[in-house]
Amino acid sequence: PQAGNVVGTIIKFLPSRSKWTVEEIKQQVAGAGVHAAPKEVYNALGYLTRKKYVKRVGYGRYLVDGGLLVTADDLGVEPMRNED
């Protein structure tokens, strides 16, 4: 149930802006009153990538409705640091 709360919370606010960092996403989740460990946030973003709600375009770079999400971490996909 906790992971569902995190995913649902992220889905609600993610389209509101075109650029996000993972730190900003963590703050938004906490601000929504959902207690989630950083790992739960990364897992939720990885889930959204696998379900094709978020598109991976390079190492630590994802598109959400045409907006770029930049992370310092690879969210559930084999790292390919030479991607750009």
C-alpha atoms as a PDB file:
ATOM      1  CA  PRO A   1       0.000   0.000   0.000  1.00  0.00           C
ATOM      2  CA  GLN A   2       2.823   2.451   0.746  1.00  0.00           C
ATOM      3  CA  ALA A   3       4.282   2.135  -2.746  1.00  0.00           C
ATOM      4  CA  GLY A   4       0.844   2.786  -4.214  1.00  0.00           C
ATOM      5  CA  ASN A   5       0.564   5.969  -2.173  1.00  0.00           C
ATOM      6  CA  VAL A   6       3.963   7.160  -3.391  1.00  0.00           C
ATOM      7  CA  VAL A   7       3.223   6.366  -7.052  1.00  0.00           C
ATOM      8  CA  GLY A   8      -0.213   7.978  -6.832  1.00  0.00           C
ATOM      9  CA  THR A   9       1.208  11.098  -5.229  1.00  0.00           C
ATOM     10  CA  ILE A  10       3.930  11.416  -7.866  1.00  0.00           C
ATOM     11  CA  ILE A  11       1.435  10.940 -10.704  1.00  0.00           C
ATOM     12  CA  LYS A  12      -0.720  13.753  -9.331  1.00  0.00           C
ATOM     13  CA  PHE A  13       1.948  16.460  -9.287  1.00  0.00           C
ATOM     14  CA  LEU A  14       4.509  15.369 -11.894  1.00  0.00           C
ATOM     15  CA  PRO A  15       2.703  16.885 -14.930  1.00  0.00           C
ATOM     16  CA  SER A  16       2.366  20.273 -13.202  1.00  0.00           C
ATOM     17  CA  ARG A  17       5.886  21.345 -14.284  1.00  0.00           C
ATOM     18  CA  SER A  18       8.172  20.436 -17.149  1.00  0.00           C
ATOM     19  CA  LYS A  19      11.398  20.059 -15.126  1.00  0.00           C
ATOM     20  CA  TRP A  20      11.933  18.133 -11.913  1.00  0.00           C
ATOM     21  CA  THR A  21      14.842  16.850  -9.905  1.00  0.00           C
ATOM     22  CA  VAL A  22      14.537  13.777  -7.734  1.00  0.00           C
ATOM     23  CA  GLU A  23      15.121  15.947  -4.652  1.00  0.00           C
ATOM     24  CA  GLU A  24      12.152  18.140  -5.622  1.00  0.00           C
ATOM     25  CA  ILE A  25      10.020  15.041  -6.124  1.00  0.00           C
ATOM     26  CA  LYS A  26      10.993  13.770  -2.669  1.00  0.00           C
ATOM     27  CA  GLN A  27      10.002  17.144  -1.166  1.00  0.00           C
ATOM     28  CA  GLN A  28       6.646  17.119  -2.980  1.00  0.00           C
ATOM     29  CA  VAL A  29       5.879  13.593  -1.754  1.00  0.00           C
ATOM     30  CA  ALA A  30       6.723  14.599   1.826  1.00  0.00           C
ATOM     31  CA  GLY A  31       4.706  17.812   1.456  1.00  0.00           C
ATOM     32  CA  ALA A  32       1.687  15.751   0.409  1.00  0.00           C
ATOM     33  CA  GLY A  33       1.849  14.001   3.777  1.00  0.00           C
ATOM     34  CA  VAL A  34       3.128  10.686   2.430  1.00  0.00           C
ATOM     35  CA  HIS A  35       6.000   9.320   4.475  1.00  0.00           C
ATOM     36  CA  ALA A  36       8.345   7.608   2.027  1.00  0.00           C
ATOM     37  CA  ALA A  37      11.975   6.605   2.225  1.00  0.00           C
ATOM     38  CA  PRO A  38      14.168   7.824  -0.643  1.00  0.00           C
ATOM     39  CA  LYS A  39      14.326   4.226  -1.927  1.00  0.00           C
ATOM     40  CA  GLU A  40      10.511   4.165  -2.208  1.00  0.00           C
ATOM     41  CA  VAL A  41      10.589   7.320  -4.346  1.00  0.00           C
ATOM     42  CA  TYR A  42      13.260   5.823  -6.627  1.00  0.00           C
ATOM     43  CA  ASN A  43      11.267   2.584  -6.856  1.00  0.00           C
ATOM     44  CA  ALA A  44       8.115   4.510  -7.771  1.00  0.00           C
ATOM     45  CA  LEU A  45       9.962   6.377 -10.524  1.00  0.00           C
ATOM     46  CA  GLY A  46      11.405   3.096 -11.786  1.00  0.00           C
ATOM     47  CA  TYR A  47       7.899   1.622 -11.852  1.00  0.00           C
ATOM     48  CA  LEU A  48       6.609   4.601 -13.841  1.00  0.00           C
ATOM     49  CA  THR A  49       9.465   4.080 -16.309  1.00  0.00           C
ATOM     50  CA  ARG A  50       8.697   0.381 -16.742  1.00  0.00           C
ATOM     51  CA  LYS A  51       4.995   1.131 -17.261  1.00  0.00           C
ATOM     52  CA  LYS A  52       5.944   3.754 -19.884  1.00  0.00           C
ATOM     53  CA  TYR A  53       4.444   6.727 -18.028  1.00  0.00           C
ATOM     54  CA  VAL A  54       7.970   8.144 -17.984  1.00  0.00           C
ATOM     55  CA  LYS A  55      10.374   7.646 -20.902  1.00  0.00           C
ATOM     56  CA  ARG A  56      14.091   7.093 -20.357  1.00  0.00           C
ATOM     57  CA  VAL A  57      16.109   9.148 -22.848  1.00  0.00           C
ATOM     58  CA  GLY A  58      19.588   8.720 -21.360  1.00  0.00           C
ATOM     59  CA  TYR A  59      21.464   8.036 -18.152  1.00  0.00           C
ATOM     60  CA  GLY A  60      19.598   9.911 -15.432  1.00  0.00           C
ATOM     61  CA  ARG A  61      17.358  11.643 -18.005  1.00  0.00           C
ATOM     62  CA  TYR A  62      13.646  10.941 -18.375  1.00  0.00           C
ATOM     63  CA  LEU A  63      10.759  12.590 -20.214  1.00  0.00           C
ATOM     64  CA  VAL A  64       7.372  13.145 -18.631  1.00  0.00           C
ATOM     65  CA  ASP A  65       4.763  14.529 -21.024  1.00  0.00           C
ATOM     66  CA  GLY A  66       7.522  16.249 -22.994  1.00  0.00           C
ATOM     67  CA  GLY A  67       9.218  17.664 -19.884  1.00  0.00           C
ATOM     68  CA  LEU A  68      12.695  16.567 -18.831  1.00  0.00           C
ATOM     69  CA  LEU A  69      13.309  14.871 -15.473  1.00  0.00           C
ATOM     70  CA  VAL A  70      17.011  14.807 -14.584  1.00  0.00           C
ATOM     71  CA  THR A  71      18.355  12.523 -11.871  1.00  0.00           C
ATOM     72  CA  ALA A  72      21.783  11.668 -10.587  1.00  0.00           C
ATOM     73  CA  ASP A  73      20.688   8.045 -10.341  1.00  0.00           C
ATOM     74  CA  ASP A  74      19.614   5.404 -12.791  1.00  0.00           C
ATOM     75  CA  LEU A  75      16.085   4.355 -11.909  1.00  0.00           C
ATOM     76  CA  GLY A  76      15.927   0.620 -12.383  1.00  0.00           C
ATOM     77  CA  VAL A  77      17.658   0.276 -15.749  1.00  0.00           C
ATOM     78  CA  GLU A  78      21.182  -0.976 -16.421  1.00  0.00           C
ATOM     79  CA  PRO A  79      23.521   2.034 -16.197  1.00  0.00           C
ATOM     80  CA  MET A  80      24.983   3.303 -19.435  1.00  0.00           C
ATOM     81  CA  ARG A  81      27.007   6.324 -18.400  1.00  0.00           C
ATOM     82  CA  ASN A  82      28.132   7.055 -21.933  1.00  0.00           C
ATOM     83  CA  GLU A  83      24.598   7.926 -23.056  1.00  0.00           C
ATOM     84  CA  ASP A  84      23.718  11.521 -23.732  1.00  0.00           C
END
